[in-house]
Amino acid sequence: MRIRLRRLCIDGRTFTWRAEIREVRGDTDCHRCVRLRIWGGGKTSRTLQADLLSTTWGTPWPPCAVDDVYPTSADVRAVIEYALRHGWQPDRRGGTYPLTEREHAARFRLPGFLLTDRLRGPEGGDPTRRVESAWTATNGG
């Protein structure tokens, strides 16, 4: 499968990004998760990484089976702008700047998505509970 790289210009700077569709398991369900990776200073620059958990909920089928959510250019712009305000330095060489659930979830807002650490390991919050709670808060229960 070919990986598609996209470009986005913000304030005269070109960012290159890709989004990889994955799944994460919650205690009772599976959910769509999109791993977003962004470079702002070439392929050897510090990579911004955000694992975006879809907040799709309320269908009779498992969310990962019917979810087709994917970040738009506006979503990627919002992630970049947030990360720049919170310490990402895209001109630095090497390494990854992760937007983690533990460190950023309380401040980070992106309609349709939550940050998750579950793609890195089991220490993140239960995706099923988090998605159901976000869906309920957005759609009034």
Protein backbone atom coordinates (compact mmCIF):
# COMPACT_ATOMS: atom_id res chain seq x y z
CA MET A 1 0.00 0.00 0.00
CA ARG A 2 1.36 3.39 -1.01
CA ILE A 3 1.65 6.08 1.63
CA ARG A 4 0.24 9.39 0.49
CA LEU A 5 1.96 12.53 1.74
CA ARG A 6 0.02 15.76 1.72
CA ARG A 7 1.18 19.36 2.03
CA LEU A 8 -0.29 22.27 3.92
CA CYS A 9 0.98 25.87 3.99
CA ILE A 10 0.58 27.94 7.15
CA ASP A 11 2.04 31.45 7.37
CA GLY A 12 4.42 30.79 4.47
CA ARG A 13 5.75 27.51 5.88
CA THR A 14 5.04 24.18 4.20
CA PHE A 15 4.14 21.22 6.40
CA THR A 16 4.08 17.67 5.08
CA TRP A 17 1.69 15.21 6.68
CA ARG A 18 0.22 11.77 6.46
CA ALA A 19 -2.62 10.04 8.25
CA GLU A 20 -2.69 6.30 8.81
CA ILE A 21 -5.99 4.60 9.68
CA ARG A 22 -5.83 2.16 12.59
CA GLU A 23 -8.07 0.64 15.25
CA VAL A 24 -7.84 0.63 19.03
CA ARG A 25 -9.64 -1.71 21.39
CA GLY A 26 -11.63 -0.46 24.31
CA ASP A 27 -12.92 -2.61 27.13
CA THR A 28 -16.07 -3.47 25.16
CA ASP A 29 -15.57 -2.23 21.58
CA CYS A 30 -13.10 -1.27 18.88
CA HIS A 31 -12.72 2.29 17.58
CA ARG A 32 -11.17 4.03 14.60
CA CYS A 33 -7.96 5.84 15.36
CA VAL A 34 -5.91 7.89 12.92
CA ARG A 35 -2.18 8.28 13.49
CA LEU A 36 -1.25 11.73 12.21
CA ARG A 37 2.43 12.47 11.51
CA ILE A 38 3.58 15.94 10.46
CA TRP A 39 6.94 17.37 9.39
CA GLY A 40 7.66 21.09 9.24
CA GLY A 41 11.34 21.18 8.32
CA GLY A 42 11.97 18.30 5.95
CA LYS A 43 12.15 14.57 6.46
CA THR A 44 14.87 14.78 9.12
CA SER A 45 13.04 17.38 11.21
CA ARG A 46 11.27 16.71 14.51
CA THR A 47 8.03 14.88 13.72
CA LEU A 48 4.75 15.88 15.31
CA GLN A 49 2.62 12.83 16.11
CA ALA A 50 -0.98 12.78 17.25
CA ASP A 51 -3.12 9.66 17.62
CA LEU A 52 -6.68 10.86 16.96
CA LEU A 53 -9.49 8.73 18.35
CA SER A 54 -12.76 9.09 16.45
CA THR A 55 -15.75 10.05 18.60
CA THR A 56 -18.24 8.24 16.32
CA TRP A 57 -20.81 6.48 18.51
CA GLY A 58 -24.45 5.49 18.63
CA THR A 59 -24.75 2.88 15.87
CA PRO A 60 -25.93 -0.71 16.33
CA TRP A 61 -22.61 -1.91 14.81
CA PRO A 62 -19.12 -1.68 16.29
CA PRO A 63 -17.75 1.83 15.65
CA CYS A 64 -14.60 0.56 13.91
CA ALA A 65 -16.74 -1.37 11.40
CA VAL A 66 -18.76 1.62 10.15
CA ASP A 67 -16.62 4.66 11.01
CA ASP A 68 -15.24 6.55 8.01
CA VAL A 69 -13.93 9.66 9.79
CA TYR A 70 -10.63 11.09 8.49
CA PRO A 71 -8.91 14.36 9.39
CA THR A 72 -9.46 17.25 6.99
CA SER A 73 -6.87 19.90 6.12
CA ALA A 74 -8.59 22.17 8.65
CA ASP A 75 -8.16 19.48 11.32
CA VAL A 76 -4.47 19.11 10.49
CA ARG A 77 -4.06 22.90 10.61
CA ALA A 78 -5.65 22.93 14.09
CA VAL A 79 -3.28 20.19 15.29
CA ILE A 80 -0.24 22.06 13.93
CA GLU A 81 -1.30 25.40 15.43
CA TYR A 82 -1.98 23.77 18.82
CA ALA A 83 1.39 21.95 18.80
CA LEU A 84 3.31 25.10 17.86
CA ARG A 85 1.70 26.95 20.79
CA HIS A 86 2.59 24.09 23.15
CA GLY A 87 6.25 23.47 22.42
CA TRP A 88 6.70 21.72 19.08
CA GLN A 89 9.79 23.03 17.33
CA PRO A 90 9.59 21.70 13.77
CA ASP A 91 13.07 23.02 12.84
CA ARG A 92 14.81 20.82 15.39
CA ARG A 93 16.39 17.71 13.94
CA GLY A 94 15.31 14.20 14.81
CA GLY A 95 12.91 12.75 17.30
CA THR A 96 9.19 12.97 17.74
CA TYR A 97 7.01 15.49 19.52
CA PRO A 98 3.96 13.48 20.63
CA LEU A 99 0.64 15.06 21.51
CA THR A 100 -0.20 12.62 24.28
CA GLU A 101 -3.53 12.02 25.95
CA ARG A 102 -1.91 12.26 29.37
CA GLU A 103 -0.31 15.65 28.72
CA HIS A 104 -2.60 17.37 26.19
CA ALA A 105 -6.11 15.83 26.22
CA ALA A 106 -7.50 18.28 28.80
CA ARG A 107 -6.57 21.32 26.64
CA PHE A 108 -6.76 19.94 23.10
CA ARG A 109 -10.10 20.28 21.28
CA LEU A 110 -10.82 18.98 17.79
CA PRO A 111 -14.43 18.26 16.77
CA GLY A 112 -14.89 14.55 16.04
CA PHE A 113 -11.63 13.47 17.68
CA LEU A 114 -9.91 12.89 21.02
CA LEU A 115 -6.22 12.33 21.66
CA THR A 116 -5.41 8.77 22.73
CA ASP A 117 -2.31 7.00 24.02
CA ARG A 118 -3.76 3.53 23.34
CA LEU A 119 -1.82 3.06 20.08
CA ARG A 120 1.40 3.32 22.11
CA GLY A 121 0.26 0.95 24.86
CA PRO A 122 -2.50 0.11 27.35
CA GLU A 123 -1.85 3.08 29.66
CA GLY A 124 -4.30 5.43 27.92
CA GLY A 125 -7.91 5.84 29.05
CA ASP A 126 -10.49 3.31 27.88
CA PRO A 127 -11.48 4.43 24.37
CA THR A 128 -15.06 3.13 24.67
CA ARG A 129 -15.79 5.15 27.79
CA ARG A 130 -14.08 8.27 26.45
CA VAL A 131 -15.88 8.11 23.08
CA GLU A 132 -19.27 7.47 24.65
CA SER A 133 -18.75 10.36 27.07
CA ALA A 134 -17.65 12.74 24.28
CA TRP A 135 -20.56 11.71 22.06
CA THR A 136 -23.05 12.19 24.90
CA ALA A 137 -21.63 15.63 25.74
CA THR A 138 -21.80 16.73 22.09
CA ASN A 139 -25.20 15.22 21.23
CA GLY A 140 -27.05 15.79 24.49
CA GLY A 141 -27.27 12.20 25.65
